[in-house]
PDB file of N, CA and C in Angstrom:
ATOM      1  N   MET A   1      29.308  -3.851 -24.122  1.00  0.00           N
ATOM      2  CA  MET A   1      29.374  -2.756 -24.024  1.00  0.00           C
ATOM      3  C   MET A   1      30.156  -1.530 -23.279  1.00  0.00           C
ATOM      4  N   SER A   2      30.038  -0.872 -23.443  1.00  0.00           N
ATOM      5  CA  SER A   2      30.642   0.947 -23.146  1.00  0.00           C
ATOM      6  C   SER A   2      30.331   1.362 -21.437  1.00  0.00           C
ATOM      7  N   ALA A   3      31.647   2.213 -21.741  1.00  0.00           N
ATOM      8  CA  ALA A   3      30.894   2.568 -20.750  1.00  0.00           C
ATOM      9  C   ALA A   3      30.212   3.300 -20.329  1.00  0.00           C
ATOM     10  N   LYS A   4      29.391   2.518 -18.243  1.00  0.00           N
ATOM     11  CA  LYS A   4      28.498   2.901 -18.110  1.00  0.00           C
ATOM     12  C   LYS A   4      28.354   4.071 -17.702  1.00  0.00           C
ATOM     13  N   THR A   5      27.502   4.537 -17.556  1.00  0.00           N
ATOM     14  CA  THR A   5      27.263   5.784 -16.757  1.00  0.00           C
ATOM     15  C   THR A   5      25.820   6.697 -16.430  1.00  0.00           C
ATOM     16  N   VAL A   6      25.176   8.046 -15.762  1.00  0.00           N
ATOM     17  CA  VAL A   6      24.648   7.600 -16.024  1.00  0.00           C
ATOM     18  C   VAL A   6      24.563   9.495 -16.948  1.00  0.00           C
ATOM     19  N   VAL A   7      23.351   8.973 -17.482  1.00  0.00           N
ATOM     20  CA  VAL A   7      22.945  10.176 -18.965  1.00  0.00           C
ATOM     21  C   VAL A   7      22.324  11.728 -18.254  1.00  0.00           C
ATOM     22  N   ALA A   8      21.651  11.113 -17.487  1.00  0.00           N
ATOM     23  CA  ALA A   8      20.438  11.913 -17.604  1.00  0.00           C
ATOM     24  C   ALA A   8      19.835  11.531 -16.101  1.00  0.00           C
ATOM     25  N   PHE A   9      18.684  12.263 -14.590  1.00  0.00           N
ATOM     26  CA  PHE A   9      18.161  12.290 -14.232  1.00  0.00           C
ATOM     27  C   PHE A   9      17.144  13.272 -13.903  1.00  0.00           C
ATOM     28  N   SER A  10      15.808  12.830 -13.538  1.00  0.00           N
ATOM     29  CA  SER A  10      15.063  14.100 -12.931  1.00  0.00           C
ATOM     30  C   SER A  10      14.227  13.483 -11.939  1.00  0.00           C
ATOM     31  N   LEU A  11      13.724  14.959 -10.966  1.00  0.00           N
ATOM     32  CA  LEU A  11      12.723  14.475  -9.587  1.00  0.00           C
ATOM     33  C   LEU A  11      11.471  13.989 -10.107  1.00  0.00           C
ATOM     34  N   SER A  12      10.877  13.655  -9.155  1.00  0.00           N
ATOM     35  CA  SER A  12       9.795  13.495  -9.650  1.00  0.00           C
ATOM     36  C   SER A  12       8.935  13.292  -8.191  1.00  0.00           C
ATOM     37  N   SER A  13       7.914  13.381  -8.089  1.00  0.00           N
ATOM     38  CA  SER A  13       6.954  13.294  -6.867  1.00  0.00           C
ATOM     39  C   SER A  13       6.885  11.873  -6.707  1.00  0.00           C
ATOM     40  N   GLY A  14       6.269  10.880  -5.433  1.00  0.00           N
ATOM     41  CA  GLY A  14       6.723   9.777  -4.863  1.00  0.00           C
ATOM     42  C   GLY A  14       5.839   8.914  -4.832  1.00  0.00           C
ATOM     43  N   ASN A  15       4.637   9.623  -5.440  1.00  0.00           N
ATOM     44  CA  ASN A  15       3.580   8.640  -5.789  1.00  0.00           C
ATOM     45  C   ASN A  15       3.300   9.452  -7.586  1.00  0.00           C
ATOM     46  N   ALA A  16       4.393   9.528  -8.335  1.00  0.00           N
ATOM     47  CA  ALA A  16       4.180   9.848  -9.691  1.00  0.00           C
ATOM     48  C   ALA A  16       4.735   8.432  -9.633  1.00  0.00           C
ATOM     49  N   HIS A  17       4.123   7.669 -11.117  1.00  0.00           N
ATOM     50  CA  HIS A  17       4.648   6.118 -11.637  1.00  0.00           C
ATOM     51  C   HIS A  17       5.421   6.670 -12.408  1.00  0.00           C
ATOM     52  N   ASP A  18       6.969   5.864 -12.381  1.00  0.00           N
ATOM     53  CA  ASP A  18       7.918   5.779 -13.362  1.00  0.00           C
ATOM     54  C   ASP A  18       7.744   5.781 -14.771  1.00  0.00           C
ATOM     55  N   ALA A  19       6.987   5.182 -15.393  1.00  0.00           N
ATOM     56  CA  ALA A  19       6.628   5.362 -17.073  1.00  0.00           C
ATOM     57  C   ALA A  19       6.178   6.769 -16.882  1.00  0.00           C
ATOM     58  N   PRO A  20       5.319   7.913 -16.950  1.00  0.00           N
ATOM     59  CA  PRO A  20       5.263   8.889 -17.737  1.00  0.00           C
ATOM     60  C   PRO A  20       6.159   9.348 -17.348  1.00  0.00           C
ATOM     61  N   GLU A  21       6.492  10.267 -16.332  1.00  0.00           N
ATOM     62  CA  GLU A  21       8.206  10.337 -15.308  1.00  0.00           C
ATOM     63  C   GLU A  21       9.360  10.384 -17.291  1.00  0.00           C
ATOM     64  N   GLY A  22       9.830   8.827 -16.710  1.00  0.00           N
ATOM     65  CA  GLY A  22      10.383   7.815 -17.117  1.00  0.00           C
ATOM     66  C   GLY A  22      10.995   8.917 -18.949  1.00  0.00           C
ATOM     67  N   GLN A  23       9.357   8.407 -20.048  1.00  0.00           N
ATOM     68  CA  GLN A  23       9.086   9.712 -21.464  1.00  0.00           C
ATOM     69  C   GLN A  23       9.294  10.771 -21.390  1.00  0.00           C
ATOM     70  N   LYS A  24       8.510  11.763 -20.075  1.00  0.00           N
ATOM     71  CA  LYS A  24       9.316  12.927 -19.839  1.00  0.00           C
ATOM     72  C   LYS A  24      11.044  12.836 -20.368  1.00  0.00           C
ATOM     73  N   LEU A  25      11.492  12.304 -19.758  1.00  0.00           N
ATOM     74  CA  LEU A  25      12.912  11.958 -19.263  1.00  0.00           C
ATOM     75  C   LEU A  25      13.652  12.023 -20.276  1.00  0.00           C
ATOM     76  N   LEU A  26      13.302  10.400 -21.403  1.00  0.00           N
ATOM     77  CA  LEU A  26      13.825  10.069 -22.058  1.00  0.00           C
ATOM     78  C   LEU A  26      13.519  10.905 -23.613  1.00  0.00           C
ATOM     79  N   ALA A  27      12.760  11.734 -23.577  1.00  0.00           N
ATOM     80  CA  ALA A  27      12.119  13.017 -24.436  1.00  0.00           C
ATOM     81  C   ALA A  27      12.977  13.916 -24.335  1.00  0.00           C
ATOM     82  N   THR A  28      13.907  14.501 -23.755  1.00  0.00           N
ATOM     83  CA  THR A  28      15.639  15.047 -23.372  1.00  0.00           C
ATOM     84  C   THR A  28      17.056  14.365 -24.526  1.00  0.00           C
ATOM     85  N   LEU A  29      16.874  13.101 -24.084  1.00  0.00           N
ATOM     86  CA  LEU A  29      17.779  11.997 -25.357  1.00  0.00           C
ATOM     87  C   LEU A  29      17.618  12.318 -26.551  1.00  0.00           C
ATOM     88  N   ASN A  30      18.569  11.866 -27.422  1.00  0.00           N
ATOM     89  CA  ASN A  30      18.186  11.560 -28.549  1.00  0.00           C
ATOM     90  C   ASN A  30      18.854   9.671 -28.652  1.00  0.00           C
ATOM     91  N   GLY A  31      18.191   9.412 -28.766  1.00  0.00           N
ATOM     92  CA  GLY A  31      17.745   7.510 -28.793  1.00  0.00           C
ATOM     93  C   GLY A  31      19.138   6.861 -30.043  1.00  0.00           C
ATOM     94  N   LYS A  32      19.328   7.405 -31.502  1.00  0.00           N
ATOM     95  CA  LYS A  32      19.929   7.490 -32.529  1.00  0.00           C
ATOM     96  C   LYS A  32      20.025   5.748 -32.163  1.00  0.00           C
ATOM     97  N   GLY A  33      19.871   4.282 -31.770  1.00  0.00           N
ATOM     98  CA  GLY A  33      20.255   3.027 -31.862  1.00  0.00           C
ATOM     99  C   GLY A  33      20.617   2.327 -30.783  1.00  0.00           C
ATOM    100  N   VAL A  34      20.499   3.192 -29.859  1.00  0.00           N
ATOM    101  CA  VAL A  34      20.769   3.098 -28.483  1.00  0.00           C
ATOM    102  C   VAL A  34      19.733   2.540 -27.103  1.00  0.00           C
ATOM    103  N   PRO A  35      20.332   1.305 -26.991  1.00  0.00           N
ATOM    104  CA  PRO A  35      19.168   0.069 -26.911  1.00  0.00           C
ATOM    105  C   PRO A  35      19.073   0.469 -25.352  1.00  0.00           C
ATOM    106  N   LEU A  36      16.997   0.446 -24.931  1.00  0.00           N
ATOM    107  CA  LEU A  36      17.026   1.467 -23.493  1.00  0.00           C
ATOM    108  C   LEU A  36      16.597   0.155 -23.249  1.00  0.00           C
ATOM    109  N   LEU A  37      17.207  -0.046 -21.359  1.00  0.00           N
ATOM    110  CA  LEU A  37      16.793  -1.927 -21.187  1.00  0.00           C
ATOM    111  C   LEU A  37      15.652  -1.119 -20.285  1.00  0.00           C
ATOM    112  N   MET A  38      14.575  -2.413 -20.329  1.00  0.00           N
ATOM    113  CA  MET A  38      13.493  -2.447 -19.909  1.00  0.00           C
ATOM    114  C   MET A  38      12.761  -2.893 -18.409  1.00  0.00           C
ATOM    115  N   ASP A  39      11.992  -2.908 -17.611  1.00  0.00           N
ATOM    116  CA  ASP A  39      12.224  -4.011 -16.996  1.00  0.00           C
ATOM    117  C   ASP A  39       9.912  -3.999 -17.629  1.00  0.00           C
ATOM    118  N   ARG A  40       9.866  -5.741 -17.064  1.00  0.00           N
ATOM    119  CA  ARG A  40       8.731  -5.673 -17.914  1.00  0.00           C
ATOM    120  C   ARG A  40       7.257  -4.466 -17.147  1.00  0.00           C
ATOM    121  N   ALA A  41       7.233  -3.756 -16.713  1.00  0.00           N
ATOM    122  CA  ALA A  41       6.819  -2.684 -15.417  1.00  0.00           C
ATOM    123  C   ALA A  41       6.539  -1.453 -17.422  1.00  0.00           C
ATOM    124  N   TYR A  42       7.601  -1.786 -18.124  1.00  0.00           N
ATOM    125  CA  TYR A  42       7.194  -0.478 -18.628  1.00  0.00           C
ATOM    126  C   TYR A  42       6.846  -1.472 -20.750  1.00  0.00           C
ATOM    127  N   GLU A  43       6.947  -2.497 -20.499  1.00  0.00           N
ATOM    128  CA  GLU A  43       6.702  -2.796 -21.472  1.00  0.00           C
ATOM    129  C   GLU A  43       5.031  -2.625 -21.936  1.00  0.00           C
ATOM    130  N   SER A  44       4.395  -1.765 -21.964  1.00  0.00           N
ATOM    131  CA  SER A  44       2.987  -1.105 -22.016  1.00  0.00           C
ATOM    132  C   SER A  44       3.356  -0.857 -24.198  1.00  0.00           C
ATOM    133  N   ASN A  45       2.456  -0.615 -24.917  1.00  0.00           N
ATOM    134  CA  ASN A  45       2.601  -0.606 -26.561  1.00  0.00           C
ATOM    135  C   ASN A  45       2.965   0.607 -26.193  1.00  0.00           C
ATOM    136  N   LYS A  46       2.674   1.435 -26.040  1.00  0.00           N
ATOM    137  CA  LYS A  46       2.190   2.730 -25.410  1.00  0.00           C
ATOM    138  C   LYS A  46       3.759   3.263 -25.473  1.00  0.00           C
ATOM    139  N   MET A  47       4.227   2.842 -24.082  1.00  0.00           N
ATOM    140  CA  MET A  47       5.932   2.552 -23.670  1.00  0.00           C
ATOM    141  C   MET A  47       6.893   2.813 -24.801  1.00  0.00           C
ATOM    142  N   ARG A  48       6.494   1.290 -25.178  1.00  0.00           N
ATOM    143  CA  ARG A  48       7.946   0.866 -26.831  1.00  0.00           C
ATOM    144  C   ARG A  48       7.187   2.212 -27.937  1.00  0.00           C
ATOM    145  N   GLU A  49       6.572   2.352 -27.696  1.00  0.00           N
ATOM    146  CA  GLU A  49       6.319   2.735 -29.036  1.00  0.00           C
ATOM    147  C   GLU A  49       6.773   4.603 -29.428  1.00  0.00           C
ATOM    148  N   PHE A  50       7.322   4.909 -28.104  1.00  0.00           N
ATOM    149  CA  PHE A  50       7.576   5.790 -27.699  1.00  0.00           C
ATOM    150  C   PHE A  50       9.093   6.030 -27.899  1.00  0.00           C
ATOM    151  N   ALA A  51       9.550   5.083 -26.440  1.00  0.00           N
ATOM    152  CA  ALA A  51      10.425   4.820 -27.513  1.00  0.00           C
ATOM    153  C   ALA A  51      11.231   4.584 -29.066  1.00  0.00           C
ATOM    154  N   LYS A  52      10.605   4.192 -29.630  1.00  0.00           N
ATOM    155  CA  LYS A  52      10.924   3.764 -30.585  1.00  0.00           C
ATOM    156  C   LYS A  52      10.679   5.002 -31.834  1.00  0.00           C
ATOM    157  N   LYS A  53       9.717   6.183 -31.138  1.00  0.00           N
ATOM    158  CA  LYS A  53      10.000   7.331 -31.410  1.00  0.00           C
ATOM    159  C   LYS A  53      10.829   8.255 -31.933  1.00  0.00           C
ATOM    160  N   GLN A  54      11.620   7.587 -30.331  1.00  0.00           N
ATOM    161  CA  GLN A  54      12.860   8.755 -29.662  1.00  0.00           C
ATOM    162  C   GLN A  54      14.530   7.703 -30.273  1.00  0.00           C
ATOM    163  N   GLU A  55      13.942   7.151 -30.900  1.00  0.00           N
ATOM    164  CA  GLU A  55      15.086   6.343 -32.438  1.00  0.00           C
ATOM    165  C   GLU A  55      15.508   4.914 -31.118  1.00  0.00           C
ATOM    166  N   PHE A  56      15.146   5.137 -30.043  1.00  0.00           N
ATOM    167  CA  PHE A  56      15.709   3.713 -29.163  1.00  0.00           C
ATOM    168  C   PHE A  56      15.206   2.644 -29.456  1.00  0.00           C
ATOM    169  N   ILE A  57      16.670   1.701 -29.021  1.00  0.00           N
ATOM    170  CA  ILE A  57      15.976   0.051 -29.587  1.00  0.00           C
ATOM    171  C   ILE A  57      15.442  -1.070 -27.780  1.00  0.00           C
ATOM    172  N   ALA A  58      13.387  -0.667 -28.202  1.00  0.00           N
ATOM    173  CA  ALA A  58      13.348  -0.695 -26.763  1.00  0.00           C
ATOM    174  C   ALA A  58      13.562  -2.406 -26.393  1.00  0.00           C
ATOM    175  N   ILE A  59      14.625  -2.872 -25.286  1.00  0.00           N
ATOM    176  CA  ILE A  59      14.708  -3.710 -24.630  1.00  0.00           C
ATOM    177  C   ILE A  59      13.777  -4.269 -23.823  1.00  0.00           C
ATOM    178  N   VAL A  60      12.599  -5.369 -23.878  1.00  0.00           N
ATOM    179  CA  VAL A  60      12.341  -4.991 -23.250  1.00  0.00           C
ATOM    180  C   VAL A  60      10.759  -6.436 -22.566  1.00  0.00           C
ATOM    181  N   PRO A  61      11.484  -7.245 -21.984  1.00  0.00           N
ATOM    182  CA  PRO A  61      10.663  -9.258 -22.109  1.00  0.00           C
ATOM    183  C   PRO A  61       9.064  -8.584 -22.142  1.00  0.00           C
ATOM    184  N   PRO A  62       7.996  -9.596 -22.933  1.00  0.00           N
ATOM    185  CA  PRO A  62       6.357  -9.100 -22.134  1.00  0.00           C
ATOM    186  C   PRO A  62       6.047 -10.130 -21.706  1.00  0.00           C
ATOM    187  N   LYS A  63       4.937  -9.566 -20.967  1.00  0.00           N
ATOM    188  CA  LYS A  63       4.806  -9.718 -19.805  1.00  0.00           C
ATOM    189  C   LYS A  63       3.848 -10.913 -20.392  1.00  0.00           C
ATOM    190  N   LYS A  64       3.849 -11.794 -18.616  1.00  0.00           N
ATOM    191  CA  LYS A  64       3.534 -13.559 -19.942  1.00  0.00           C
ATOM    192  C   LYS A  64       2.282 -14.033 -20.161  1.00  0.00           C
ATOM    193  N   ASN A  65       1.181 -12.595 -19.674  1.00  0.00           N
ATOM    194  CA  ASN A  65       0.235 -13.162 -20.245  1.00  0.00           C
ATOM    195  C   ASN A  65      -0.417 -12.432 -21.708  1.00  0.00           C
ATOM    196  N   ARG A  66       0.624 -11.535 -22.096  1.00  0.00           N
ATOM    197  CA  ARG A  66       0.510 -10.675 -23.532  1.00  0.00           C
ATOM    198  C   ARG A  66       0.235 -12.477 -24.113  1.00  0.00           C
ATOM    199  N   LYS A  67      -0.626 -11.903 -24.972  1.00  0.00           N
ATOM    200  CA  LYS A  67      -1.520 -13.035 -26.241  1.00  0.00           C
ATOM    201  C   LYS A  67      -0.385 -12.355 -27.608  1.00  0.00           C
ATOM    202  N   HIS A  68      -0.278 -11.983 -28.030  1.00  0.00           N
ATOM    203  CA  HIS A  68       1.612 -11.812 -28.609  1.00  0.00           C
ATOM    204  C   HIS A  68       2.638 -10.824 -28.695  1.00  0.00           C
ATOM    205  N   PRO A  69       3.554 -11.990 -27.834  1.00  0.00           N
ATOM    206  CA  PRO A  69       4.267 -11.594 -27.648  1.00  0.00           C
ATOM    207  C   PRO A  69       5.740 -11.340 -28.202  1.00  0.00           C
ATOM    208  N   TRP A  70       6.685 -10.289 -27.855  1.00  0.00           N
ATOM    209  CA  TRP A  70       8.020  -9.972 -28.929  1.00  0.00           C
ATOM    210  C   TRP A  70       8.938 -11.191 -28.966  1.00  0.00           C
ATOM    211  N   ARG A  71       9.744 -11.156 -29.399  1.00  0.00           N
ATOM    212  CA  ARG A  71      11.205 -11.310 -29.681  1.00  0.00           C
ATOM    213  C   ARG A  71      11.921  -9.590 -29.156  1.00  0.00           C
ATOM    214  N   TYR A  72      12.957 -10.470 -28.176  1.00  0.00           N
ATOM    215  CA  TYR A  72      14.196  -9.566 -27.680  1.00  0.00           C
ATOM    216  C   TYR A  72      14.918 -10.576 -27.860  1.00  0.00           C
ATOM    217  N   ASP A  73      16.673  -9.336 -27.923  1.00  0.00           N
ATOM    218  CA  ASP A  73      17.198  -9.504 -27.783  1.00  0.00           C
ATOM    219  C   ASP A  73      17.858 -10.394 -25.442  1.00  0.00           C
ATOM    220  N   LYS A  74      17.899 -10.731 -25.504  1.00  0.00           N
ATOM    221  CA  LYS A  74      18.434 -11.925 -24.389  1.00  0.00           C
ATOM    222  C   LYS A  74      19.514 -11.602 -23.972  1.00  0.00           C
ATOM    223  N   GLU A  75      19.958 -11.628 -24.340  1.00  0.00           N
ATOM    224  CA  GLU A  75      21.419 -12.036 -24.319  1.00  0.00           C
ATOM    225  C   GLU A  75      22.211 -10.432 -23.834  1.00  0.00           C
ATOM    226  N   LEU A  76      20.837  -9.107 -24.227  1.00  0.00           N
ATOM    227  CA  LEU A  76      21.303  -7.866 -24.245  1.00  0.00           C
ATOM    228  C   LEU A  76      20.679  -6.829 -22.998  1.00  0.00           C
ATOM    229  N   TYR A  77      19.794  -7.922 -22.543  1.00  0.00           N
ATOM    230  CA  TYR A  77      19.189  -8.323 -21.613  1.00  0.00           C
ATOM    231  C   TYR A  77      18.986  -8.506 -20.213  1.00  0.00           C
ATOM    232  N   LYS A  78      20.361  -9.171 -20.506  1.00  0.00           N
ATOM    233  CA  LYS A  78      20.481  -9.052 -19.426  1.00  0.00           C
ATOM    234  C   LYS A  78      22.036  -8.140 -18.361  1.00  0.00           C
ATOM    235  N   PHE A  79      22.252  -6.918 -18.771  1.00  0.00           N
ATOM    236  CA  PHE A  79      22.797  -6.569 -18.743  1.00  0.00           C
ATOM    237  C   PHE A  79      21.849  -5.235 -17.925  1.00  0.00           C
ATOM    238  N   ARG A  80      21.347  -5.573 -17.949  1.00  0.00           N
ATOM    239  CA  ARG A  80      19.551  -4.729 -16.942  1.00  0.00           C
ATOM    240  C   ARG A  80      20.176  -5.215 -15.012  1.00  0.00           C
ATOM    241  N   ASN A  81      20.776  -6.132 -14.804  1.00  0.00           N
ATOM    242  CA  ASN A  81      20.660  -5.853 -14.066  1.00  0.00           C
ATOM    243  C   ASN A  81      22.233  -4.558 -13.391  1.00  0.00           C
ATOM    244  N   GLU A  82      21.941  -4.494 -13.978  1.00  0.00           N
ATOM    245  CA  GLU A  82      23.581  -3.826 -13.856  1.00  0.00           C
ATOM    246  C   GLU A  82      23.018  -1.884 -13.200  1.00  0.00           C
ATOM    247  N   VAL A  83      21.812  -2.382 -13.661  1.00  0.00           N
ATOM    248  CA  VAL A  83      21.139  -1.617 -14.001  1.00  0.00           C
ATOM    249  C   VAL A  83      20.892  -1.056 -12.463  1.00  0.00           C
ATOM    250  N   GLU A  84      20.163  -2.196 -12.163  1.00  0.00           N
ATOM    251  CA  GLU A  84      19.592  -2.783 -10.337  1.00  0.00           C
ATOM    252  C   GLU A  84      20.689  -2.498  -9.733  1.00  0.00           C
ATOM    253  N   ARG A  85      21.370  -2.611  -9.929  1.00  0.00           N
ATOM    254  CA  ARG A  85      22.929  -2.780  -8.938  1.00  0.00           C
ATOM    255  C   ARG A  85      23.691  -1.273  -8.618  1.00  0.00           C
ATOM    256  N   PHE A  86      23.729  -0.688  -9.584  1.00  0.00           N
ATOM    257  CA  PHE A  86      23.329   0.594  -9.447  1.00  0.00           C
ATOM    258  C   PHE A  86      22.754   1.590  -9.004  1.00  0.00           C
ATOM    259  N   PHE A  87      21.658   1.034  -8.878  1.00  0.00           N
ATOM    260  CA  PHE A  87      20.352   2.179  -7.486  1.00  0.00           C
ATOM    261  C   PHE A  87      21.146   1.772  -5.848  1.00  0.00           C
ATOM    262  N   LEU A  88      21.649   0.122  -6.409  1.00  0.00           N
ATOM    263  CA  LEU A  88      21.843   0.002  -5.074  1.00  0.00           C
ATOM    264  C   LEU A  88      23.201   0.383  -4.322  1.00  0.00           C
ATOM    265  N   ARG A  89      23.241   0.566  -5.395  1.00  0.00           N
ATOM    266  CA  ARG A  89      25.182   2.143  -5.392  1.00  0.00           C
ATOM    267  C   ARG A  89      24.353   3.042  -4.256  1.00  0.00           C
ATOM    268  N   ILE A  90      24.222   3.442  -5.370  1.00  0.00           N
ATOM    269  CA  ILE A  90      23.189   4.554  -4.801  1.00  0.00           C
ATOM    270  C   ILE A  90      22.471   4.792  -3.918  1.00  0.00           C
ATOM    271  N   LYS A  91      21.806   4.223  -3.433  1.00  0.00           N
ATOM    272  CA  LYS A  91      21.167   3.922  -2.197  1.00  0.00           C
ATOM    273  C   LYS A  91      21.626   3.497  -0.727  1.00  0.00           C
ATOM    274  N   ARG A  92      23.245   3.804  -0.603  1.00  0.00           N
ATOM    275  CA  ARG A  92      24.267   3.241   0.327  1.00  0.00           C
ATOM    276  C   ARG A  92      23.501   4.467   0.723  1.00  0.00           C
ATOM    277  N   PHE A  93      24.748   5.310  -0.373  1.00  0.00           N
ATOM    278  CA  PHE A  93      23.918   6.865   1.128  1.00  0.00           C
ATOM    279  C   PHE A  93      22.635   7.504   1.697  1.00  0.00           C
ATOM    280  N   ARG A  94      22.758   7.138   2.545  1.00  0.00           N
ATOM    281  CA  ARG A  94      21.302   6.649   3.420  1.00  0.00           C
ATOM    282  C   ARG A  94      20.423   8.891   3.231  1.00  0.00           C
ATOM    283  N   ARG A  95      21.207   9.792   3.036  1.00  0.00           N
ATOM    284  CA  ARG A  95      20.255  10.715   2.465  1.00  0.00           C
ATOM    285  C   ARG A  95      19.600  10.376   0.992  1.00  0.00           C
ATOM    286  N   VAL A  96      20.299   9.996   0.202  1.00  0.00           N
ATOM    287  CA  VAL A  96      19.059   9.159  -1.275  1.00  0.00           C
ATOM    288  C   VAL A  96      18.614   9.437  -1.017  1.00  0.00           C
ATOM    289  N   PHE A  97      18.268   7.304   0.176  1.00  0.00           N
ATOM    290  CA  PHE A  97      16.970   6.815  -0.040  1.00  0.00           C
ATOM    291  C   PHE A  97      16.022   7.452   1.294  1.00  0.00           C
ATOM    292  N   THR A  98      16.305   8.321   1.762  1.00  0.00           N
ATOM    293  CA  THR A  98      15.696   8.354   3.441  1.00  0.00           C
ATOM    294  C   THR A  98      15.249   9.418   2.671  1.00  0.00           C
ATOM    295  N   ARG A  99      15.275  10.086   1.634  1.00  0.00           N
ATOM    296  CA  ARG A  99      15.182  11.586   1.419  1.00  0.00           C
ATOM    297  C   ARG A  99      14.900  13.144   2.556  1.00  0.00           C
ATOM    298  N   TYR A 100      16.290  12.959   3.530  1.00  0.00           N
ATOM    299  CA  TYR A 100      15.828  14.179   4.441  1.00  0.00           C
ATOM    300  C   TYR A 100      15.867  15.668   3.878  1.00  0.00           C
ATOM    301  N   ASP A 101      16.311  15.485   3.401  1.00  0.00           N
ATOM    302  CA  ASP A 101      16.085  17.678   1.980  1.00  0.00           C
ATOM    303  C   ASP A 101      14.521  17.485   1.986  1.00  0.00           C
ATOM    304  N   LYS A 102      14.544  18.875   2.567  1.00  0.00           N
ATOM    305  CA  LYS A 102      13.101  19.240   2.070  1.00  0.00           C
ATOM    306  C   LYS A 102      12.493  19.743   0.394  1.00  0.00           C
ATOM    307  N   LEU A 103      14.519  20.908  -0.169  1.00  0.00           N
ATOM    308  CA  LEU A 103      14.218  21.159  -1.208  1.00  0.00           C
ATOM    309  C   LEU A 103      14.713  20.268  -2.136  1.00  0.00           C
ATOM    310  N   ASP A 104      14.701  20.625  -3.429  1.00  0.00           N
ATOM    311  CA  ASP A 104      15.215  20.046  -4.744  1.00  0.00           C
ATOM    312  C   ASP A 104      16.080  19.878  -4.750  1.00  0.00           C
ATOM    313  N   ILE A 105      16.493  21.199  -4.575  1.00  0.00           N
ATOM    314  CA  ILE A 105      17.809  20.886  -4.920  1.00  0.00           C
ATOM    315  C   ILE A 105      18.366  21.176  -3.695  1.00  0.00           C
ATOM    316  N   ILE A 106      18.454  20.816  -3.401  1.00  0.00           N
ATOM    317  CA  ILE A 106      19.167  20.260  -1.972  1.00  0.00           C
ATOM    318  C   ILE A 106      19.705  18.571  -2.830  1.00  0.00           C
ATOM    319  N   TYR A 107      18.283  17.954  -2.753  1.00  0.00           N
ATOM    320  CA  TYR A 107      18.707  16.712  -2.772  1.00  0.00           C
ATOM    321  C   TYR A 107      18.595  16.174  -4.223  1.00  0.00           C
ATOM    322  N   THR A 108      19.085  16.924  -4.748  1.00  0.00           N
ATOM    323  CA  THR A 108      19.479  16.746  -6.248  1.00  0.00           C
ATOM    324  C   THR A 108      20.699  16.680  -6.716  1.00  0.00           C
ATOM    325  N   GLY A 109      21.115  18.334  -5.702  1.00  0.00           N
ATOM    326  CA  GLY A 109      23.106  18.549  -4.828  1.00  0.00           C
ATOM    327  C   GLY A 109      23.215  16.616  -4.349  1.00  0.00           C
ATOM    328  N   VAL A 110      22.419  15.966  -3.362  1.00  0.00           N
ATOM    329  CA  VAL A 110      22.736  15.235  -2.855  1.00  0.00           C
ATOM    330  C   VAL A 110      23.396  14.308  -3.811  1.00  0.00           C
ATOM    331  N   ILE A 111      22.423  14.093  -4.803  1.00  0.00           N
ATOM    332  CA  ILE A 111      22.483  12.001  -5.592  1.00  0.00           C
ATOM    333  C   ILE A 111      23.344  12.805  -7.166  1.00  0.00           C
ATOM    334  N   ILE A 112      23.382  14.925  -7.393  1.00  0.00           N
ATOM    335  CA  ILE A 112      24.925  14.310  -7.397  1.00  0.00           C
ATOM    336  C   ILE A 112      26.193  13.838  -7.369  1.00  0.00           C
ATOM    337  N   MET A 113      26.783  14.208  -6.014  1.00  0.00           N
ATOM    338  CA  MET A 113      27.418  14.372  -4.869  1.00  0.00           C
ATOM    339  C   MET A 113      27.369  12.543  -5.075  1.00  0.00           C
ATOM    340  N   ALA A 114      26.469  11.502  -4.550  1.00  0.00           N
ATOM    341  CA  ALA A 114      26.451  10.332  -4.897  1.00  0.00           C
ATOM    342  C   ALA A 114      27.230   9.358  -6.262  1.00  0.00           C
ATOM    343  N   LEU A 115      26.584  10.309  -7.379  1.00  0.00           N
ATOM    344  CA  LEU A 115      26.700   9.993  -8.742  1.00  0.00           C
ATOM    345  C   LEU A 115      28.386  10.000  -8.920  1.00  0.00           C
ATOM    346  N   ILE A 116      28.581  11.569  -8.484  1.00  0.00           N
ATOM    347  CA  ILE A 116      30.432  11.283  -8.053  1.00  0.00           C
ATOM    348  C   ILE A 116      30.960  10.597  -7.561  1.00  0.00           C
ATOM    349  N   TYR A 117      30.567  10.724  -6.171  1.00  0.00           N
ATOM    350  CA  TYR A 117      31.522   9.159  -5.249  1.00  0.00           C
ATOM    351  C   TYR A 117      31.542   8.041  -6.532  1.00  0.00           C
ATOM    352  N   ASP A 118      30.612   7.635  -6.639  1.00  0.00           N
ATOM    353  CA  ASP A 118      29.996   5.965  -7.366  1.00  0.00           C
ATOM    354  C   ASP A 118      31.094   5.710  -8.584  1.00  0.00           C
ATOM    355  N   ALA A 119      30.782   7.512  -9.086  1.00  0.00           N
ATOM    356  CA  ALA A 119      32.440   6.613 -10.452  1.00  0.00           C
ATOM    357  C   ALA A 119      33.320   6.694 -10.396  1.00  0.00           C
ATOM    358  N   ILE A 120      33.434   7.284  -9.268  1.00  0.00           N
ATOM    359  CA  ILE A 120      35.209   7.456  -8.735  1.00  0.00           C
ATOM    360  C   ILE A 120      35.296   5.957  -9.102  1.00  0.00           C
ATOM    361  N   LEU A 121      35.006   4.861  -7.057  1.00  0.00           N
ATOM    362  CA  LEU A 121      34.687   4.117  -7.777  1.00  0.00           C
ATOM    363  C   LEU A 121      34.904   2.976  -7.834  1.00  0.00           C
ATOM    364  N   MET A 122      33.765   3.131  -8.884  1.00  0.00           N
ATOM    365  CA  MET A 122      33.912   1.801  -9.844  1.00  0.00           C
ATOM    366  C   MET A 122      35.062   2.711 -11.018  1.00  0.00           C
TER     367      MET A 122
END
């Protein structure tokens, strides 16, 4: 794997589902054969087609109850735990996971500071 870094992020309301927000964010990026590691919450046909349209390689396991499951790269999917560990590191910052800030611009700045701190230490 290459260097691990955040390439983009966006804020959304707390009651918004991640998949539509993720599609908006992915629409701003160029996939060009980049693996997109997703968990089963994103395994819908719509999300996988969207990733393919953006030229990402969707790496997502099918849900257990799928009638026609697909193959996916299990070895590459093992790297998804690094994404989860990243979020755990960022959530060490109390202001990130509690969101005391009322303004999005302030909260975005807090997240950027946490990302910089994480990049320096990792």
